Amino acid sequence: MRLIFIFLLTSLFTGVKAQIVSRSIYDTDTLPHPLIDVSIKLNSDSFTTKNNIVVDITLTNKTEILQKVWFDQPKLSTGGPAYTWVKLINKTLGTSPLKYESSAILISQACSIDVVKTYLQPLKSGESISKKYALNKLAIFTSPDLEKGIYEMSIIYWNNRSNTVNFTIY
């Protein structure tokens, strides 16, 4: 049985976050790499704490061919969709408040290709799927709350980057 192992590693020397995935995951006979338009919206543009921030993530098939996405299944303790990373910068300080761009760093699991295929959701041309997620569940932060300031955020699903949104913590 072929297994997919997902590991997220953080380099101690460069601070670069990398994803190592079994080679077979990119094989179109096993799992597709979807070409998807990713858009995000927030429940507000100003907050007092990160715990109030909800991110509405929408995946839309803008191609003419059927795309299969592994979005919100199975329900794991990662807090967000598979293969999703948060890019967040405090524009006031010029730094990121993230320790890890994905909360999946906290889990270790293996799934057979056949099991993963049961979670793939087909999106026909023009179709969308969306779901709301708490920001504090999508990524791992360096401190319990965000410092006051203006933030810029985007989401990456596979290699598909979302629009950028700004919000303020006051």
Protein backbone atom coordinates (compact mmCIF):
# COMPACT_ATOMS: atom_id res chain seq x y z
CA MET A 1 0.00 0.00 0.00
CA ARG A 2 1.42 3.37 -1.01
CA LEU A 3 1.36 5.99 1.69
CA ILE A 4 1.51 9.74 1.58
CA PHE A 5 3.54 11.26 4.36
CA ILE A 6 3.28 14.95 5.02
CA PHE A 7 6.00 16.60 7.02
CA LEU A 8 6.42 20.26 7.68
CA LEU A 9 9.91 21.19 8.77
CA THR A 10 11.39 24.43 9.90
CA SER A 11 15.05 24.97 9.17
CA LEU A 12 16.92 25.94 12.30
CA PHE A 13 19.54 27.81 10.31
CA THR A 14 17.57 29.78 7.76
CA GLY A 15 14.10 29.97 9.25
CA VAL A 16 12.71 28.76 5.92
CA LYS A 17 9.62 26.62 6.14
CA ALA A 18 9.48 23.70 3.74
CA GLN A 19 7.04 20.97 2.91
CA ILE A 20 8.30 17.51 2.04
CA VAL A 21 5.71 15.31 0.38
CA SER A 22 6.07 11.88 -1.12
CA ARG A 23 6.81 12.16 -4.86
CA SER A 24 3.70 10.18 -5.72
CA ILE A 25 1.41 12.96 -4.49
CA TYR A 26 2.25 14.99 -7.60
CA ASP A 27 1.58 12.07 -9.93
CA THR A 28 -1.71 12.83 -11.72
CA ASP A 29 -2.60 9.15 -11.52
CA THR A 30 -2.64 9.38 -7.73
CA LEU A 31 -3.57 12.89 -6.58
CA PRO A 32 -4.00 15.93 -8.77
CA HIS A 33 -2.36 19.26 -8.12
CA PRO A 34 -5.42 21.47 -8.54
CA LEU A 35 -5.33 24.74 -10.49
CA ILE A 36 -7.70 26.74 -8.34
CA ASP A 37 -8.54 30.39 -7.73
CA VAL A 38 -8.28 31.03 -3.98
CA SER A 39 -10.06 33.98 -2.40
CA ILE A 40 -10.33 35.00 1.22
CA LYS A 41 -12.52 37.39 3.19
CA LEU A 42 -12.43 38.32 6.84
CA ASN A 43 -15.41 38.84 9.13
CA SER A 44 -14.20 42.43 9.76
CA ASP A 45 -11.25 44.70 9.03
CA SER A 46 -10.45 45.55 12.66
CA PHE A 47 -10.12 43.38 15.74
CA THR A 48 -9.01 43.52 19.37
CA THR A 49 -7.64 39.96 19.39
CA LYS A 50 -6.71 37.25 16.89
CA ASN A 51 -9.28 34.99 18.54
CA ASN A 52 -12.07 36.97 16.85
CA ILE A 53 -10.71 36.66 13.30
CA VAL A 54 -12.62 34.34 10.98
CA VAL A 55 -11.29 33.64 7.47
CA ASP A 56 -13.74 32.66 4.76
CA ILE A 57 -11.72 30.61 2.22
CA THR A 58 -13.26 30.01 -1.21
CA LEU A 59 -11.79 27.73 -3.88
CA THR A 60 -13.10 28.26 -7.43
CA ASN A 61 -12.35 26.23 -10.53
CA LYS A 62 -11.49 28.84 -13.18
CA THR A 63 -10.32 26.21 -15.69
CA GLU A 64 -12.38 24.40 -18.31
CA ILE A 65 -11.55 20.97 -16.85
CA LEU A 66 -12.79 19.19 -13.75
CA GLN A 67 -10.55 19.87 -10.73
CA LYS A 68 -10.44 17.65 -7.65
CA VAL A 69 -9.70 19.35 -4.33
CA TRP A 70 -8.90 17.99 -0.89
CA PHE A 71 -10.38 20.85 1.07
CA ASP A 72 -12.15 20.17 4.35
CA GLN A 73 -12.08 16.42 4.85
CA PRO A 74 -11.33 14.47 6.95
CA LYS A 75 -12.08 16.53 10.03
CA LEU A 76 -8.68 16.66 11.70
CA SER A 77 -7.36 18.69 14.58
CA THR A 78 -5.38 20.92 12.22
CA GLY A 79 -8.08 23.57 12.11
CA GLY A 80 -7.97 24.14 8.37
CA PRO A 81 -7.95 22.66 4.88
CA ALA A 82 -5.24 20.23 3.80
CA TYR A 83 -2.27 21.86 2.04
CA THR A 84 -3.07 25.35 3.31
CA TRP A 85 -0.51 27.86 4.59
CA VAL A 86 -1.05 31.32 6.05
CA LYS A 87 1.15 34.26 5.06
CA LEU A 88 0.80 36.99 7.69
CA ILE A 89 2.91 40.12 8.16
CA ASN A 90 2.61 42.88 10.74
CA LYS A 91 3.14 45.80 8.34
CA THR A 92 3.76 48.16 11.24
CA LEU A 93 6.71 46.11 12.54
CA GLY A 94 7.69 44.36 9.29
CA THR A 95 7.63 40.92 10.95
CA SER A 96 5.50 37.80 10.88
CA PRO A 97 3.79 36.73 14.13
CA LEU A 98 3.73 33.12 12.96
CA LYS A 99 5.83 30.32 14.36
CA TYR A 100 4.45 27.92 11.73
CA GLU A 101 2.38 28.87 8.67
CA SER A 102 0.19 25.78 9.07
CA SER A 103 -1.18 24.11 12.16
CA ALA A 104 -0.60 20.77 10.42
CA ILE A 105 2.92 20.93 11.89
CA LEU A 106 1.36 19.59 15.08
CA ILE A 107 0.11 16.35 13.56
CA SER A 108 1.72 13.37 11.98
CA GLN A 109 -0.43 11.11 9.91
CA ALA A 110 -0.27 8.77 6.98
CA CYS A 111 -3.11 8.11 4.55
CA SER A 112 -3.22 5.66 1.70
CA ILE A 113 -3.85 7.09 -1.76
CA ASP A 114 -7.17 5.23 -1.83
CA VAL A 115 -8.30 6.86 1.43
CA VAL A 116 -7.25 10.34 0.28
CA LYS A 117 -9.12 9.88 -3.01
CA THR A 118 -12.36 9.38 -1.04
CA TYR A 119 -11.97 12.92 0.33
CA LEU A 120 -11.40 14.60 -3.04
CA GLN A 121 -14.27 16.85 -4.04
CA PRO A 122 -14.88 17.47 -7.74
CA LEU A 123 -15.25 21.08 -8.89
CA LYS A 124 -16.61 21.59 -12.38
CA SER A 125 -15.64 24.68 -14.35
CA GLY A 126 -16.96 27.74 -12.50
CA GLU A 127 -17.92 25.84 -9.34
CA SER A 128 -16.75 26.92 -5.87
CA ILE A 129 -16.46 25.51 -2.40
CA SER A 130 -15.98 27.63 0.71
CA LYS A 131 -15.72 27.31 4.43
CA LYS A 132 -14.98 29.58 7.40
CA TYR A 133 -12.03 28.95 9.67
CA ALA A 134 -10.73 30.64 12.82
CA LEU A 135 -7.38 32.26 12.02
CA ASN A 136 -5.92 31.09 15.34
CA LYS A 137 -6.61 27.48 14.22
CA LEU A 138 -5.04 27.81 10.75
CA ALA A 139 -1.51 28.66 11.91
CA ILE A 140 0.71 28.54 14.98
CA PHE A 141 1.54 31.92 16.47
CA THR A 142 4.67 32.95 18.38
CA SER A 143 2.66 34.58 21.18
CA PRO A 144 -0.84 34.27 22.65
CA ASP A 145 -2.10 37.36 20.85
CA LEU A 146 -1.19 39.75 18.05
CA GLU A 147 0.51 43.06 18.72
CA LYS A 148 -1.35 46.21 17.80
CA GLY A 149 -0.81 47.20 14.20
CA ILE A 150 -1.80 46.76 10.59
CA TYR A 151 -1.55 43.23 9.16
CA GLU A 152 -1.42 41.84 5.64
CA MET A 153 -2.56 38.27 5.03
CA SER A 154 -2.95 35.77 2.22
CA ILE A 155 -3.52 32.03 2.06
CA ILE A 156 -1.77 29.47 -0.10
CA TYR A 157 -3.66 26.33 -1.09
CA TRP A 158 -1.22 23.97 -2.80
CA ASN A 159 0.68 26.53 -4.90
CA ASN A 160 -2.37 28.72 -5.48
CA ARG A 161 -2.07 32.05 -3.63
CA SER A 162 -5.16 33.96 -2.57
CA ASN A 163 -5.89 37.62 -2.72
CA THR A 164 -4.34 39.77 0.01
CA VAL A 165 -6.42 41.23 2.81
CA ASN A 166 -5.49 43.83 5.42
CA PHE A 167 -6.77 44.18 8.94
CA THR A 168 -5.96 46.14 12.09
CA ILE A 169 -5.44 44.96 15.64
CA TYR A 170 -6.15 47.86 18.01
